Amino acid sequence: MSVSKVTVSIDTEVLKQLDRLVGERVFSNRSQVVNLAAKEKIERVNRSRLARACEFLDPAEERAFAEIGAAGDLAEWPEY
């Protein structure tokens, strides 16, 4: 995994809490905390985008598409 060094500004109180967690060995260093926090936030944003996109789907239309797909697939299944 490649890494890049960056300079960021962090609220003083947040930094104190971050340092406390590093001091308690919850995380090995500040970089690990910031990297994990950024990854989690990005994942959360991506999940919420998907949820918002799904709000525009019509359940009846999606069900109809699924039934069309299932009907076609069933004909291709081998007989047991």
C-alpha atoms as a PDB file:
ATOM      1  CA  MET A   1       0.000   0.000   0.000  1.00  0.00           C
ATOM      2  CA  SER A   2       1.432   3.360  -0.974  1.00  0.00           C
ATOM      3  CA  VAL A   3       0.923   6.339   1.275  1.00  0.00           C
ATOM      4  CA  SER A   4       1.155  10.091   0.800  1.00  0.00           C
ATOM      5  CA  LYS A   5       2.060  12.622   3.421  1.00  0.00           C
ATOM      6  CA  VAL A   6      -0.353  15.517   3.811  1.00  0.00           C
ATOM      7  CA  THR A   7      -0.785  18.410   6.175  1.00  0.00           C
ATOM      8  CA  VAL A   8      -4.201  18.801   7.790  1.00  0.00           C
ATOM      9  CA  SER A   9      -5.683  21.106  10.391  1.00  0.00           C
ATOM     10  CA  ILE A  10      -7.563  19.419  13.238  1.00  0.00           C
ATOM     11  CA  ASP A  11      -9.614  20.992  15.996  1.00  0.00           C
ATOM     12  CA  THR A  12      -7.560  21.143  19.203  1.00  0.00           C
ATOM     13  CA  GLU A  13     -10.086  19.156  21.246  1.00  0.00           C
ATOM     14  CA  VAL A  14     -10.340  16.477  18.561  1.00  0.00           C
ATOM     15  CA  LEU A  15      -6.545  16.213  18.503  1.00  0.00           C
ATOM     16  CA  LYS A  16      -6.464  15.773  22.286  1.00  0.00           C
ATOM     17  CA  GLN A  17      -8.957  12.917  22.029  1.00  0.00           C
ATOM     18  CA  LEU A  18      -7.015  11.406  19.142  1.00  0.00           C
ATOM     19  CA  ASP A  19      -3.782  11.564  21.139  1.00  0.00           C
ATOM     20  CA  ARG A  20      -5.535  10.010  24.136  1.00  0.00           C
ATOM     21  CA  LEU A  21      -6.561   7.036  22.007  1.00  0.00           C
ATOM     22  CA  VAL A  22      -3.017   6.672  20.688  1.00  0.00           C
ATOM     23  CA  GLY A  23      -1.706   6.930  24.261  1.00  0.00           C
ATOM     24  CA  GLU A  24      -4.107   4.198  25.380  1.00  0.00           C
ATOM     25  CA  ARG A  25      -2.811   2.086  22.481  1.00  0.00           C
ATOM     26  CA  VAL A  26      -6.240   1.886  20.849  1.00  0.00           C
ATOM     27  CA  PHE A  27      -4.376   2.987  17.709  1.00  0.00           C
ATOM     28  CA  SER A  28      -0.682   2.777  16.978  1.00  0.00           C
ATOM     29  CA  ASN A  29      -0.297   6.392  15.815  1.00  0.00           C
ATOM     30  CA  ARG A  30      -2.131   9.511  14.652  1.00  0.00           C
ATOM     31  CA  SER A  31      -1.854   8.538  11.008  1.00  0.00           C
ATOM     32  CA  GLN A  32      -3.667   5.264  11.636  1.00  0.00           C
ATOM     33  CA  VAL A  33      -6.532   7.065  13.367  1.00  0.00           C
ATOM     34  CA  VAL A  34      -6.922   9.667  10.616  1.00  0.00           C
ATOM     35  CA  ASN A  35      -6.630   7.065   7.835  1.00  0.00           C
ATOM     36  CA  LEU A  36      -9.253   4.776   9.400  1.00  0.00           C
ATOM     37  CA  ALA A  37     -11.594   7.689  10.118  1.00  0.00           C
ATOM     38  CA  ALA A  38     -11.340   8.908   6.524  1.00  0.00           C
ATOM     39  CA  LYS A  39     -11.996   5.409   5.137  1.00  0.00           C
ATOM     40  CA  GLU A  40     -15.041   4.938   7.382  1.00  0.00           C
ATOM     41  CA  LYS A  41     -16.447   8.328   6.383  1.00  0.00           C
ATOM     42  CA  ILE A  42     -15.955   7.592   2.675  1.00  0.00           C
ATOM     43  CA  GLU A  43     -17.711   4.215   3.072  1.00  0.00           C
ATOM     44  CA  ARG A  44     -20.600   5.879   4.916  1.00  0.00           C
ATOM     45  CA  VAL A  45     -20.972   8.514   2.202  1.00  0.00           C
ATOM     46  CA  ASN A  46     -20.929   5.859  -0.508  1.00  0.00           C
ATOM     47  CA  ARG A  47     -23.586   3.790   1.310  1.00  0.00           C
ATOM     48  CA  SER A  48     -25.818   6.834   1.746  1.00  0.00           C
ATOM     49  CA  ARG A  49     -25.457   7.666  -1.973  1.00  0.00           C
ATOM     50  CA  LEU A  50     -26.614   4.151  -2.827  1.00  0.00           C
ATOM     51  CA  ALA A  51     -29.534   4.455  -0.417  1.00  0.00           C
ATOM     52  CA  ARG A  52     -30.557   7.783  -1.961  1.00  0.00           C
ATOM     53  CA  ALA A  53     -30.332   6.302  -5.460  1.00  0.00           C
ATOM     54  CA  CYS A  54     -32.505   3.365  -4.373  1.00  0.00           C
ATOM     55  CA  GLU A  55     -35.211   5.783  -3.210  1.00  0.00           C
ATOM     56  CA  PHE A  56     -35.921   6.551  -6.870  1.00  0.00           C
ATOM     57  CA  LEU A  57     -36.568   2.928  -7.778  1.00  0.00           C
ATOM     58  CA  ASP A  58     -40.160   1.857  -8.355  1.00  0.00           C
ATOM     59  CA  PRO A  59     -40.745  -1.360  -6.341  1.00  0.00           C
ATOM     60  CA  ALA A  60     -43.372  -2.639  -8.795  1.00  0.00           C
ATOM     61  CA  GLU A  61     -41.062  -2.050 -11.750  1.00  0.00           C
ATOM     62  CA  GLU A  62     -38.133  -3.735  -9.990  1.00  0.00           C
ATOM     63  CA  ARG A  63     -40.339  -6.727  -9.107  1.00  0.00           C
ATOM     64  CA  ALA A  64     -41.451  -7.006 -12.750  1.00  0.00           C
ATOM     65  CA  PHE A  65     -37.837  -6.973 -13.933  1.00  0.00           C
ATOM     66  CA  ALA A  66     -36.950  -9.662 -11.396  1.00  0.00           C
ATOM     67  CA  GLU A  67     -39.855 -11.841 -12.498  1.00  0.00           C
ATOM     68  CA  ILE A  68     -38.902 -11.488 -16.155  1.00  0.00           C
ATOM     69  CA  GLY A  69     -35.335 -12.444 -15.339  1.00  0.00           C
ATOM     70  CA  ALA A  70     -36.373 -15.365 -13.151  1.00  0.00           C
ATOM     71  CA  ALA A  71     -38.809 -16.717 -15.749  1.00  0.00           C
ATOM     72  CA  GLY A  72     -36.114 -16.743 -18.404  1.00  0.00           C
ATOM     73  CA  ASP A  73     -33.594 -18.331 -16.091  1.00  0.00           C
ATOM     74  CA  LEU A  74     -35.960 -21.100 -14.977  1.00  0.00           C
ATOM     75  CA  ALA A  75     -36.299 -22.393 -18.529  1.00  0.00           C
ATOM     76  CA  GLU A  76     -32.522 -22.802 -18.724  1.00  0.00           C
ATOM     77  CA  TRP A  77     -32.188 -24.714 -15.447  1.00  0.00           C
ATOM     78  CA  PRO A  78     -31.515 -28.438 -15.747  1.00  0.00           C
ATOM     79  CA  GLU A  79     -34.238 -30.875 -14.672  1.00  0.00           C
ATOM     80  CA  TYR A  80     -33.470 -32.730 -11.416  1.00  0.00           C
END
